[in-house]
Protein backbone atom coordinates (compact mmCIF):
# COMPACT_ATOMS: atom_id res chain seq x y z
CA GLN A 1 -11.71 6.50 -5.08
CA VAL A 2 -12.00 3.00 -3.68
CA LEU A 3 -15.39 1.22 -4.08
CA GLN A 4 -16.33 -0.99 -1.24
CA LEU A 5 -18.73 -3.61 -2.39
CA ASP A 6 -20.96 -6.11 -0.27
CA PRO A 7 -19.26 -9.60 -1.28
CA ASP A 8 -22.60 -11.36 -0.95
CA THR A 9 -24.77 -9.15 -2.93
CA GLY A 10 -22.28 -7.18 -5.04
CA VAL A 11 -24.21 -4.08 -3.81
CA LEU A 12 -21.87 -1.01 -3.68
CA GLN A 13 -21.76 0.18 -0.09
CA ALA A 14 -19.46 2.97 -0.18
CA ARG A 15 -17.25 5.40 -2.21
CA ILE A 16 -14.08 5.88 -0.26
CA PRO A 17 -12.23 9.12 -1.38
CA THR A 18 -8.57 9.10 -2.11
CA GLN A 19 -6.04 11.86 -2.82
CA GLY A 20 -4.80 10.06 -5.99
CA ARG A 21 -5.88 7.34 -8.34
CA PRO A 22 -5.27 3.92 -6.35
CA THR A 23 -2.79 1.77 -8.33
CA ALA A 24 -2.46 -0.94 -5.62
CA MET A 25 -4.02 -2.11 -2.48
CA LEU A 26 -2.96 -4.50 0.17
CA ASP A 27 -4.83 -6.04 3.27
CA ASP A 28 -2.88 -5.93 6.43
CA VAL A 29 -4.71 -8.40 8.59
CA ILE A 30 -2.55 -8.08 11.57
CA GLN A 31 -2.91 -4.17 11.88
CA ARG A 32 -6.28 -4.34 10.38
CA ASN A 33 -5.58 -1.72 7.72
CA VAL A 34 -6.26 -1.51 3.77
CA ILE A 35 -2.82 -0.02 2.54
CA ILE A 36 -3.51 2.00 -0.73
CA ALA A 37 -0.92 3.19 -3.12
CA GLU A 38 -2.10 6.30 -5.09
CA GLN A 39 -0.81 7.28 -8.37
CA SER A 40 1.62 10.57 -8.08
CA ARG A 41 1.68 10.46 -4.31
CA PRO A 42 4.69 9.98 -2.21
CA SER A 43 2.93 8.13 0.46
CA LEU A 44 0.53 5.40 1.09
CA ALA A 45 -2.82 5.80 2.39
CA LEU A 46 -4.16 3.77 5.46
CA LEU A 47 -7.76 2.69 5.78
CA PRO A 48 -8.64 1.00 8.97
CA TYR A 49 -11.02 -1.78 8.62
CA GLY A 50 -14.54 -0.74 9.02
CA GLN A 51 -13.94 2.90 8.08
CA GLN A 52 -14.77 4.88 5.16
CA LEU A 53 -12.31 7.67 5.45
CA ILE A 54 -8.39 7.36 4.97
CA ALA A 55 -6.95 7.61 8.48
CA ARG A 56 -3.34 8.79 7.62
CA HIS A 57 -0.46 8.71 5.14
CA ILE A 58 3.00 7.21 5.50
CA ALA A 59 6.08 8.15 3.46
CA ALA A 60 6.91 5.59 0.81
CA GLY A 61 9.28 6.85 -1.90
CA GLN A 62 8.30 9.15 -4.78
CA ALA A 63 5.63 7.15 -6.80
CA PRO A 64 4.53 3.83 -4.95
CA SER A 65 3.03 1.43 -7.58
CA ASP A 66 3.04 -2.13 -6.25
CA LEU A 67 3.05 -3.53 -2.87
CA ALA A 68 4.17 -6.66 -1.04
CA ILE A 69 3.68 -7.59 2.62
CA SER A 70 6.03 -9.95 4.80
CA ASN A 71 3.52 -10.82 7.87
CA LYS A 72 6.25 -12.88 9.48
CA ARG A 73 8.69 -9.86 9.40
CA ARG A 74 6.27 -7.19 9.51
CA LEU A 75 7.76 -5.44 6.48
CA LEU A 76 6.01 -3.82 3.63
CA TYR A 77 7.77 -3.78 0.29
CA VAL A 78 6.76 -0.80 -2.04
CA ALA A 79 7.86 -0.45 -5.63
CA ASP A 80 8.90 3.23 -6.38
CA GLU A 81 8.55 3.78 -10.17
CA VAL A 82 10.39 7.14 -10.18
CA ASN A 83 13.44 6.21 -8.13
CA HIS A 84 13.87 2.77 -9.79
CA SER A 85 14.04 1.23 -6.19
CA VAL A 86 12.00 -0.85 -3.69
CA VAL A 87 11.32 0.83 -0.41
CA VAL A 88 11.06 -1.27 2.78
CA LEU A 89 9.04 -0.09 5.47
CA ASP A 90 8.66 -1.57 9.17
CA LEU A 91 4.92 -1.64 9.62
CA PRO A 92 4.71 -1.26 13.24
CA SER A 93 6.84 1.94 13.24
CA GLU A 94 5.55 3.11 9.79
CA LYS A 95 8.95 4.05 9.05
CA ILE A 96 11.41 3.44 5.87
CA ILE A 97 14.30 1.23 6.99
CA GLN A 98 15.73 0.26 3.59
CA THR A 99 15.82 1.30 -0.02
CA ILE A 100 17.03 -1.10 -2.62
CA GLU A 101 18.10 0.13 -5.88
CA VAL A 102 16.94 -2.13 -8.68
CA GLY A 103 18.07 -0.04 -11.72
CA SER A 104 14.87 -0.29 -13.66
CA ILE A 105 11.16 0.29 -12.92
CA PRO A 106 9.98 -2.28 -10.48
CA ASP A 107 6.64 -3.38 -11.93
CA VAL A 108 5.71 -6.24 -9.74
CA ILE A 109 7.00 -7.20 -6.27
CA MET A 110 6.67 -10.75 -4.95
CA ILE A 111 7.60 -11.97 -1.46
CA GLN A 112 8.00 -15.71 -0.73
CA GLU A 113 8.06 -16.94 2.74
CA PRO A 114 8.59 -20.15 3.96
């Protein structure tokens, strides 16, 4: 589950159910979604801003673990522990456009944009 806290008071506002244990979360400020990787799930959960239920899931490899976003290119990079790869998703279409084999478990992904 995801816990939603009031940033000013620290009061718990909501417990948002997920289908797996969340392992990573990322804020997509352009499409106004929280993107959630869940342990042992082959997809990512999309939680629209202001809602307390997961809206939908999108395919993202076998075991998404870490996330990084390119706001300029509108790409999402997803570490896939099982396949030892990084899956690249086009955010507007929510489709996988590339899989980058890295040869070992990708623990953390970092994107640097100029």
